[in-house]
Amino acid sequence: MKIDIDLKSGFLQSLKREVLATLTPEERALIEVSTGEMGNKPDAVKLGWLKMRTKETWTKQRYTRGLNQVMKKLRTELEAQSSRKE
């Protein structure tokens, strides 16, 4: 499975590939569409890409809510990683 995520975007650069691999396909699609080249596209393009990728209909509200949930999940994992290092 190919994960095409721009790890230079924000705190994602400090996450390990194993963490990203634990995400569901929908969560990975949300991260992919919000980072890298797609991060600069209009929302309509992002929603169309998500529909093509996941075969489901996406709304702006669903995209925003889903992205916030994924980011919280990743942020929690990042905090857990940093606490294990200390």
PDB file of N, CA and C in Angstrom:
ATOM      1  N   MET A   1       0.850  -1.172   0.000  1.00  0.00           N
ATOM      2  CA  MET A   1       0.000   0.000   0.000  1.00  0.00           C
ATOM      3  C   MET A   1       0.899   1.240   0.000  1.00  0.00           C
ATOM      4  N   LYS A   2       0.641   2.155  -0.909  1.00  0.00           N
ATOM      5  CA  LYS A   2       1.438   3.367  -1.037  1.00  0.00           C
ATOM      6  C   LYS A   2       0.779   4.490  -0.239  1.00  0.00           C
ATOM      7  N   ILE A   3       1.560   5.127   0.590  1.00  0.00           N
ATOM      8  CA  ILE A   3       1.072   6.273   1.347  1.00  0.00           C
ATOM      9  C   ILE A   3       1.788   7.496   0.805  1.00  0.00           C
ATOM     10  N   ASP A   4       1.056   8.377   0.164  1.00  0.00           N
ATOM     11  CA  ASP A   4       1.629   9.565  -0.446  1.00  0.00           C
ATOM     12  C   ASP A   4       1.298  10.771   0.417  1.00  0.00           C
ATOM     13  N   ILE A   5       2.013  10.912   1.513  1.00  0.00           N
ATOM     14  CA  ILE A   5       1.746  11.998   2.454  1.00  0.00           C
ATOM     15  C   ILE A   5       3.000  12.853   2.567  1.00  0.00           C
ATOM     16  N   ASP A   6       2.828  14.154   2.484  1.00  0.00           N
ATOM     17  CA  ASP A   6       3.930  15.084   2.617  1.00  0.00           C
ATOM     18  C   ASP A   6       4.268  15.216   4.097  1.00  0.00           C
ATOM     19  N   LEU A   7       5.342  14.573   4.522  1.00  0.00           N
ATOM     20  CA  LEU A   7       5.695  14.571   5.934  1.00  0.00           C
ATOM     21  C   LEU A   7       6.369  15.861   6.379  1.00  0.00           C
ATOM     22  N   LYS A   8       6.573  16.796   5.478  1.00  0.00           N
ATOM     23  CA  LYS A   8       7.166  18.070   5.845  1.00  0.00           C
ATOM     24  C   LYS A   8       6.112  19.055   6.326  1.00  0.00           C
ATOM     25  N   SER A   9       4.858  18.667   6.294  1.00  0.00           N
ATOM     26  CA  SER A   9       3.773  19.564   6.665  1.00  0.00           C
ATOM     27  C   SER A   9       3.525  19.520   8.170  1.00  0.00           C
ATOM     28  N   GLY A  10       3.972  20.563   8.849  1.00  0.00           N
ATOM     29  CA  GLY A  10       3.696  20.690  10.276  1.00  0.00           C
ATOM     30  C   GLY A  10       4.269  19.561  11.107  1.00  0.00           C
ATOM     31  N   PHE A  11       3.499  19.133  12.082  1.00  0.00           N
ATOM     32  CA  PHE A  11       3.980  18.115  13.013  1.00  0.00           C
ATOM     33  C   PHE A  11       4.032  16.729  12.398  1.00  0.00           C
ATOM     34  N   LEU A  12       3.511  16.557  11.196  1.00  0.00           N
ATOM     35  CA  LEU A  12       3.538  15.244  10.553  1.00  0.00           C
ATOM     36  C   LEU A  12       4.962  14.758  10.308  1.00  0.00           C
ATOM     37  N   GLN A  13       5.913  15.691  10.196  1.00  0.00           N
ATOM     38  CA  GLN A  13       7.287  15.286   9.922  1.00  0.00           C
ATOM     39  C   GLN A  13       7.897  14.486  11.058  1.00  0.00           C
ATOM     40  N   SER A  14       7.390  14.639  12.288  1.00  0.00           N
ATOM     41  CA  SER A  14       7.964  13.907  13.411  1.00  0.00           C
ATOM     42  C   SER A  14       7.247  12.591  13.695  1.00  0.00           C
ATOM     43  N   LEU A  15       6.232  12.262  12.908  1.00  0.00           N
ATOM     44  CA  LEU A  15       5.546  10.989  13.083  1.00  0.00           C
ATOM     45  C   LEU A  15       6.280   9.882  12.344  1.00  0.00           C
ATOM     46  N   LYS A  16       6.225   8.703  12.892  1.00  0.00           N
ATOM     47  CA  LYS A  16       6.852   7.554  12.249  1.00  0.00           C
ATOM     48  C   LYS A  16       5.887   6.958  11.228  1.00  0.00           C
ATOM     49  N   ARG A  17       6.430   6.290  10.245  1.00  0.00           N
ATOM     50  CA  ARG A  17       5.617   5.637   9.211  1.00  0.00           C
ATOM     51  C   ARG A  17       4.662   4.616   9.821  1.00  0.00           C
ATOM     52  N   GLU A  18       5.074   3.967  10.917  1.00  0.00           N
ATOM     53  CA  GLU A  18       4.222   2.966  11.551  1.00  0.00           C
ATOM     54  C   GLU A  18       2.915   3.595  12.042  1.00  0.00           C
ATOM     55  N   VAL A  19       3.003   4.819  12.537  1.00  0.00           N
ATOM     56  CA  VAL A  19       1.801   5.520  13.018  1.00  0.00           C
ATOM     57  C   VAL A  19       0.876   5.806  11.851  1.00  0.00           C
ATOM     58  N   LEU A  20       1.424   6.288  10.756  1.00  0.00           N
ATOM     59  CA  LEU A  20       0.615   6.597   9.585  1.00  0.00           C
ATOM     60  C   LEU A  20       0.002   5.330   9.000  1.00  0.00           C
ATOM     61  N   ALA A  21       0.696   4.220   9.124  1.00  0.00           N
ATOM     62  CA  ALA A  21       0.187   2.955   8.598  1.00  0.00           C
ATOM     63  C   ALA A  21      -1.014   2.448   9.394  1.00  0.00           C
ATOM     64  N   THR A  22      -1.175   2.909  10.631  1.00  0.00           N
ATOM     65  CA  THR A  22      -2.306   2.464  11.451  1.00  0.00           C
ATOM     66  C   THR A  22      -3.593   3.202  11.108  1.00  0.00           C
ATOM     67  N   LEU A  23      -3.500   4.252  10.312  1.00  0.00           N
ATOM     68  CA  LEU A  23      -4.693   5.015   9.944  1.00  0.00           C
ATOM     69  C   LEU A  23      -5.564   4.215   8.982  1.00  0.00           C
ATOM     70  N   THR A  24      -6.857   4.470   9.036  1.00  0.00           N
ATOM     71  CA  THR A  24      -7.776   3.832   8.097  1.00  0.00           C
ATOM     72  C   THR A  24      -7.563   4.453   6.714  1.00  0.00           C
ATOM     73  N   PRO A  25      -8.022   3.785   5.662  1.00  0.00           N
ATOM     74  CA  PRO A  25      -7.873   4.375   4.315  1.00  0.00           C
ATOM     75  C   PRO A  25      -8.526   5.759   4.212  1.00  0.00           C
ATOM     76  N   GLU A  26      -9.658   5.956   4.869  1.00  0.00           N
ATOM     77  CA  GLU A  26     -10.322   7.260   4.840  1.00  0.00           C
ATOM     78  C   GLU A  26      -9.463   8.306   5.546  1.00  0.00           C
ATOM     79  N   GLU A  27      -8.874   7.965   6.674  1.00  0.00           N
ATOM     80  CA  GLU A  27      -8.026   8.908   7.410  1.00  0.00           C
ATOM     81  C   GLU A  27      -6.778   9.251   6.600  1.00  0.00           C
ATOM     82  N   ARG A  28      -6.194   8.251   5.941  1.00  0.00           N
ATOM     83  CA  ARG A  28      -5.024   8.523   5.100  1.00  0.00           C
ATOM     84  C   ARG A  28      -5.389   9.454   3.943  1.00  0.00           C
ATOM     85  N   ALA A  29      -6.558   9.245   3.358  1.00  0.00           N
ATOM     86  CA  ALA A  29      -7.003  10.108   2.260  1.00  0.00           C
ATOM     87  C   ALA A  29      -7.179  11.542   2.745  1.00  0.00           C
ATOM     88  N   LEU A  30      -7.724  11.714   3.937  1.00  0.00           N
ATOM     89  CA  LEU A  30      -7.897  13.060   4.495  1.00  0.00           C
ATOM     90  C   LEU A  30      -6.557  13.755   4.698  1.00  0.00           C
ATOM     91  N   ILE A  31      -5.573  13.013   5.195  1.00  0.00           N
ATOM     92  CA  ILE A  31      -4.239  13.597   5.393  1.00  0.00           C
ATOM     93  C   ILE A  31      -3.599  13.922   4.046  1.00  0.00           C
ATOM     94  N   GLU A  32      -3.714  13.016   3.102  1.00  0.00           N
ATOM     95  CA  GLU A  32      -3.128  13.246   1.780  1.00  0.00           C
ATOM     96  C   GLU A  32      -3.698  14.486   1.114  1.00  0.00           C
ATOM     97  N   VAL A  33      -5.006  14.651   1.193  1.00  0.00           N
ATOM     98  CA  VAL A  33      -5.650  15.777   0.513  1.00  0.00           C
ATOM     99  C   VAL A  33      -5.363  17.102   1.224  1.00  0.00           C
ATOM    100  N   SER A  34      -5.028  17.061   2.487  1.00  0.00           N
ATOM    101  CA  SER A  34      -4.804  18.307   3.213  1.00  0.00           C
ATOM    102  C   SER A  34      -3.341  18.728   3.238  1.00  0.00           C
ATOM    103  N   THR A  35      -2.435  17.888   2.738  1.00  0.00           N
ATOM    104  CA  THR A  35      -1.008  18.225   2.744  1.00  0.00           C
ATOM    105  C   THR A  35      -0.468  18.221   1.324  1.00  0.00           C
ATOM    106  N   GLY A  36       0.749  18.649   1.197  1.00  0.00           N
ATOM    107  CA  GLY A  36       1.422  18.624  -0.100  1.00  0.00           C
ATOM    108  C   GLY A  36       0.760  19.498  -1.140  1.00  0.00           C
ATOM    109  N   GLU A  37       0.789  19.054  -2.378  1.00  0.00           N
ATOM    110  CA  GLU A  37       0.227  19.821  -3.495  1.00  0.00           C
ATOM    111  C   GLU A  37      -1.270  20.052  -3.322  1.00  0.00           C
ATOM    112  N   MET A  38      -1.991  19.052  -2.829  1.00  0.00           N
ATOM    113  CA  MET A  38      -3.443  19.170  -2.684  1.00  0.00           C
ATOM    114  C   MET A  38      -3.825  20.190  -1.611  1.00  0.00           C
ATOM    115  N   GLY A  39      -2.940  20.460  -0.665  1.00  0.00           N
ATOM    116  CA  GLY A  39      -3.241  21.408   0.404  1.00  0.00           C
ATOM    117  C   GLY A  39      -3.499  22.815  -0.096  1.00  0.00           C
ATOM    118  N   ASN A  40      -2.994  23.143  -1.275  1.00  0.00           N
ATOM    119  CA  ASN A  40      -3.160  24.484  -1.842  1.00  0.00           C
ATOM    120  C   ASN A  40      -4.335  24.583  -2.805  1.00  0.00           C
ATOM    121  N   LYS A  41      -5.026  23.497  -3.035  1.00  0.00           N
ATOM    122  CA  LYS A  41      -6.141  23.484  -3.988  1.00  0.00           C
ATOM    123  C   LYS A  41      -7.422  23.987  -3.313  1.00  0.00           C
ATOM    124  N   PRO A  42      -8.370  24.449  -4.115  1.00  0.00           N
ATOM    125  CA  PRO A  42      -9.669  24.854  -3.561  1.00  0.00           C
ATOM    126  C   PRO A  42     -10.398  23.647  -2.948  1.00  0.00           C
ATOM    127  N   ASP A  43     -11.291  23.918  -2.020  1.00  0.00           N
ATOM    128  CA  ASP A  43     -12.016  22.840  -1.340  1.00  0.00           C
ATOM    129  C   ASP A  43     -12.801  21.965  -2.305  1.00  0.00           C
ATOM    130  N   ALA A  44     -13.346  22.550  -3.351  1.00  0.00           N
ATOM    131  CA  ALA A  44     -14.124  21.755  -4.313  1.00  0.00           C
ATOM    132  C   ALA A  44     -13.244  20.686  -4.965  1.00  0.00           C
ATOM    133  N   VAL A  45     -12.003  21.021  -5.239  1.00  0.00           N
ATOM    134  CA  VAL A  45     -11.069  20.059  -5.830  1.00  0.00           C
ATOM    135  C   VAL A  45     -10.757  18.963  -4.820  1.00  0.00           C
ATOM    136  N   LYS A  46     -10.541  19.353  -3.570  1.00  0.00           N
ATOM    137  CA  LYS A  46     -10.244  18.383  -2.520  1.00  0.00           C
ATOM    138  C   LYS A  46     -11.408  17.408  -2.336  1.00  0.00           C
ATOM    139  N   LEU A  47     -12.628  17.950  -2.312  1.00  0.00           N
ATOM    140  CA  LEU A  47     -13.806  17.102  -2.121  1.00  0.00           C
ATOM    141  C   LEU A  47     -13.973  16.139  -3.295  1.00  0.00           C
ATOM    142  N   GLY A  48     -13.708  16.608  -4.502  1.00  0.00           N
ATOM    143  CA  GLY A  48     -13.777  15.738  -5.678  1.00  0.00           C
ATOM    144  C   GLY A  48     -12.737  14.641  -5.629  1.00  0.00           C
ATOM    145  N   TRP A  49     -11.531  14.993  -5.181  1.00  0.00           N
ATOM    146  CA  TRP A  49     -10.469  14.003  -5.067  1.00  0.00           C
ATOM    147  C   TRP A  49     -10.826  12.958  -4.018  1.00  0.00           C
ATOM    148  N   LEU A  50     -11.382  13.412  -2.887  1.00  0.00           N
ATOM    149  CA  LEU A  50     -11.802  12.471  -1.838  1.00  0.00           C
ATOM    150  C   LEU A  50     -12.882  11.528  -2.347  1.00  0.00           C
ATOM    151  N   LYS A  51     -13.827  12.066  -3.123  1.00  0.00           N
ATOM    152  CA  LYS A  51     -14.888  11.223  -3.678  1.00  0.00           C
ATOM    153  C   LYS A  51     -14.298  10.179  -4.613  1.00  0.00           C
ATOM    154  N   MET A  52     -13.359  10.587  -5.442  1.00  0.00           N
ATOM    155  CA  MET A  52     -12.724   9.660  -6.361  1.00  0.00           C
ATOM    156  C   MET A  52     -11.929   8.599  -5.594  1.00  0.00           C
ATOM    157  N   ARG A  53     -11.257   9.010  -4.555  1.00  0.00           N
ATOM    158  CA  ARG A  53     -10.383   8.111  -3.797  1.00  0.00           C
ATOM    159  C   ARG A  53     -11.153   7.124  -2.917  1.00  0.00           C
ATOM    160  N   THR A  54     -12.216   7.614  -2.250  1.00  0.00           N
ATOM    161  CA  THR A  54     -12.926   6.773  -1.283  1.00  0.00           C
ATOM    162  C   THR A  54     -14.237   6.221  -1.814  1.00  0.00           C
ATOM    163  N   LYS A  55     -14.677   6.674  -2.985  1.00  0.00           N
ATOM    164  CA  LYS A  55     -15.948   6.240  -3.587  1.00  0.00           C
ATOM    165  C   LYS A  55     -17.151   6.620  -2.726  1.00  0.00           C
ATOM    166  N   GLU A  56     -17.027   7.697  -1.950  1.00  0.00           N
ATOM    167  CA  GLU A  56     -18.108   8.202  -1.115  1.00  0.00           C
ATOM    168  C   GLU A  56     -18.287   9.691  -1.379  1.00  0.00           C
ATOM    169  N   THR A  57     -19.472  10.192  -1.092  1.00  0.00           N
ATOM    170  CA  THR A  57     -19.738  11.623  -1.244  1.00  0.00           C
ATOM    171  C   THR A  57     -19.190  12.378  -0.039  1.00  0.00           C
ATOM    172  N   TRP A  58     -18.533  13.493  -0.311  1.00  0.00           N
ATOM    173  CA  TRP A  58     -17.936  14.309   0.750  1.00  0.00           C
ATOM    174  C   TRP A  58     -18.534  15.703   0.722  1.00  0.00           C
ATOM    175  N   THR A  59     -18.772  16.247   1.898  1.00  0.00           N
ATOM    176  CA  THR A  59     -19.193  17.638   2.039  1.00  0.00           C
ATOM    177  C   THR A  59     -18.072  18.391   2.740  1.00  0.00           C
ATOM    178  N   LYS A  60     -18.129  19.691   2.658  1.00  0.00           N
ATOM    179  CA  LYS A  60     -17.126  20.521   3.336  1.00  0.00           C
ATOM    180  C   LYS A  60     -17.141  20.233   4.839  1.00  0.00           C
ATOM    181  N   GLN A  61     -18.342  20.101   5.401  1.00  0.00           N
ATOM    182  CA  GLN A  61     -18.469  19.837   6.835  1.00  0.00           C
ATOM    183  C   GLN A  61     -17.864  18.477   7.202  1.00  0.00           C
ATOM    184  N   ARG A  62     -18.125  17.454   6.418  1.00  0.00           N
ATOM    185  CA  ARG A  62     -17.576  16.118   6.691  1.00  0.00           C
ATOM    186  C   ARG A  62     -16.055  16.139   6.570  1.00  0.00           C
ATOM    187  N   TYR A  63     -15.546  16.830   5.561  1.00  0.00           N
ATOM    188  CA  TYR A  63     -14.101  16.939   5.369  1.00  0.00           C
ATOM    189  C   TYR A  63     -13.454  17.630   6.562  1.00  0.00           C
ATOM    190  N   THR A  64     -14.010  18.752   6.972  1.00  0.00           N
ATOM    191  CA  THR A  64     -13.449  19.517   8.082  1.00  0.00           C
ATOM    192  C   THR A  64     -13.496  18.727   9.380  1.00  0.00           C
ATOM    193  N   ARG A  65     -14.630  18.125   9.665  1.00  0.00           N
ATOM    194  CA  ARG A  65     -14.778  17.343  10.887  1.00  0.00           C
ATOM    195  C   ARG A  65     -13.833  16.138  10.883  1.00  0.00           C
ATOM    196  N   GLY A  66     -13.757  15.443   9.771  1.00  0.00           N
ATOM    197  CA  GLY A  66     -12.877  14.279   9.661  1.00  0.00           C
ATOM    198  C   GLY A  66     -11.416  14.646   9.815  1.00  0.00           C
ATOM    199  N   LEU A  67     -11.014  15.750   9.173  1.00  0.00           N
ATOM    200  CA  LEU A  67      -9.627  16.198   9.266  1.00  0.00           C
ATOM    201  C   LEU A  67      -9.276  16.577  10.706  1.00  0.00           C
ATOM    202  N   ASN A  68     -10.190  17.257  11.385  1.00  0.00           N
ATOM    203  CA  ASN A  68      -9.941  17.624  12.777  1.00  0.00           C
ATOM    204  C   ASN A  68      -9.775  16.391  13.651  1.00  0.00           C
ATOM    205  N   GLN A  69     -10.593  15.372  13.437  1.00  0.00           N
ATOM    206  CA  GLN A  69     -10.488  14.144  14.218  1.00  0.00           C
ATOM    207  C   GLN A  69      -9.170  13.430  13.961  1.00  0.00           C
ATOM    208  N   VAL A  70      -8.756  13.370  12.706  1.00  0.00           N
ATOM    209  CA  VAL A  70      -7.493  12.705  12.369  1.00  0.00           C
ATOM    210  C   VAL A  70      -6.322  13.470  12.975  1.00  0.00           C
ATOM    211  N   MET A  71      -6.349  14.789  12.884  1.00  0.00           N
ATOM    212  CA  MET A  71      -5.263  15.589  13.444  1.00  0.00           C
ATOM    213  C   MET A  71      -5.173  15.423  14.964  1.00  0.00           C
ATOM    214  N   LYS A  72      -6.318  15.371  15.638  1.00  0.00           N
ATOM    215  CA  LYS A  72      -6.311  15.135  17.088  1.00  0.00           C
ATOM    216  C   LYS A  72      -5.716  13.774  17.402  1.00  0.00           C
ATOM    217  N   LYS A  73      -6.076  12.774  16.617  1.00  0.00           N
ATOM    218  CA  LYS A  73      -5.559  11.415  16.806  1.00  0.00           C
ATOM    219  C   LYS A  73      -4.042  11.390  16.624  1.00  0.00           C
ATOM    220  N   LEU A  74      -3.558  12.035  15.564  1.00  0.00           N
ATOM    221  CA  LEU A  74      -2.128  12.076  15.306  1.00  0.00           C
ATOM    222  C   LEU A  74      -1.388  12.897  16.357  1.00  0.00           C
ATOM    223  N   ARG A  75      -1.980  13.986  16.791  1.00  0.00           N
ATOM    224  CA  ARG A  75      -1.368  14.827  17.819  1.00  0.00           C
ATOM    225  C   ARG A  75      -1.217  14.041  19.120  1.00  0.00           C
ATOM    226  N   THR A  76      -2.247  13.260  19.468  1.00  0.00           N
ATOM    227  CA  THR A  76      -2.193  12.427  20.666  1.00  0.00           C
ATOM    228  C   THR A  76      -1.069  11.406  20.561  1.00  0.00           C
ATOM    229  N   GLU A  77      -0.954  10.788  19.396  1.00  0.00           N
ATOM    230  CA  GLU A  77       0.109   9.805  19.180  1.00  0.00           C
ATOM    231  C   GLU A  77       1.482  10.452  19.249  1.00  0.00           C
ATOM    232  N   LEU A  78       1.618  11.651  18.710  1.00  0.00           N
ATOM    233  CA  LEU A  78       2.887  12.375  18.759  1.00  0.00           C
ATOM    234  C   LEU A  78       3.262  12.696  20.193  1.00  0.00           C
ATOM    235  N   GLU A  79       2.293  13.128  20.989  1.00  0.00           N
ATOM    236  CA  GLU A  79       2.550  13.412  22.398  1.00  0.00           C
ATOM    237  C   GLU A  79       2.959  12.144  23.141  1.00  0.00           C
ATOM    238  N   ALA A  80       2.328  11.025  22.809  1.00  0.00           N
ATOM    239  CA  ALA A  80       2.689   9.757  23.441  1.00  0.00           C
ATOM    240  C   ALA A  80       4.116   9.356  23.064  1.00  0.00           C
ATOM    241  N   GLN A  81       4.487   9.572  21.808  1.00  0.00           N
ATOM    242  CA  GLN A  81       5.855   9.265  21.367  1.00  0.00           C
ATOM    243  C   GLN A  81       6.881  10.112  22.107  1.00  0.00           C
ATOM    244  N   SER A  82       6.590  11.399  22.238  1.00  0.00           N
ATOM    245  CA  SER A  82       7.542  12.287  22.890  1.00  0.00           C
ATOM    246  C   SER A  82       7.661  11.985  24.384  1.00  0.00           C
ATOM    247  N   SER A  83       6.577  11.550  25.014  1.00  0.00           N
ATOM    248  CA  SER A  83       6.645  11.209  26.437  1.00  0.00           C
ATOM    249  C   SER A  83       7.437   9.918  26.655  1.00  0.00           C
ATOM    250  N   ARG A  84       7.390   9.004  25.669  1.00  0.00           N
ATOM    251  CA  ARG A  84       8.173   7.770  25.759  1.00  0.00           C
ATOM    252  C   ARG A  84       9.660   8.037  25.617  1.00  0.00           C
ATOM    253  N   LYS A  85      10.035   9.078  24.882  1.00  0.00           N
ATOM    254  CA  LYS A  85      11.432   9.401  24.674  1.00  0.00           C
ATOM    255  C   LYS A  85      12.052  10.000  25.923  1.00  0.00           C
ATOM    256  N   GLU A  86      11.246  10.709  26.708  1.00  0.00           N
ATOM    257  CA  GLU A  86      11.777  11.417  27.888  1.00  0.00           C
ATOM    258  C   GLU A  86      12.033  10.534  29.045  1.00  0.00           C
TER     259      GLU A  86
END
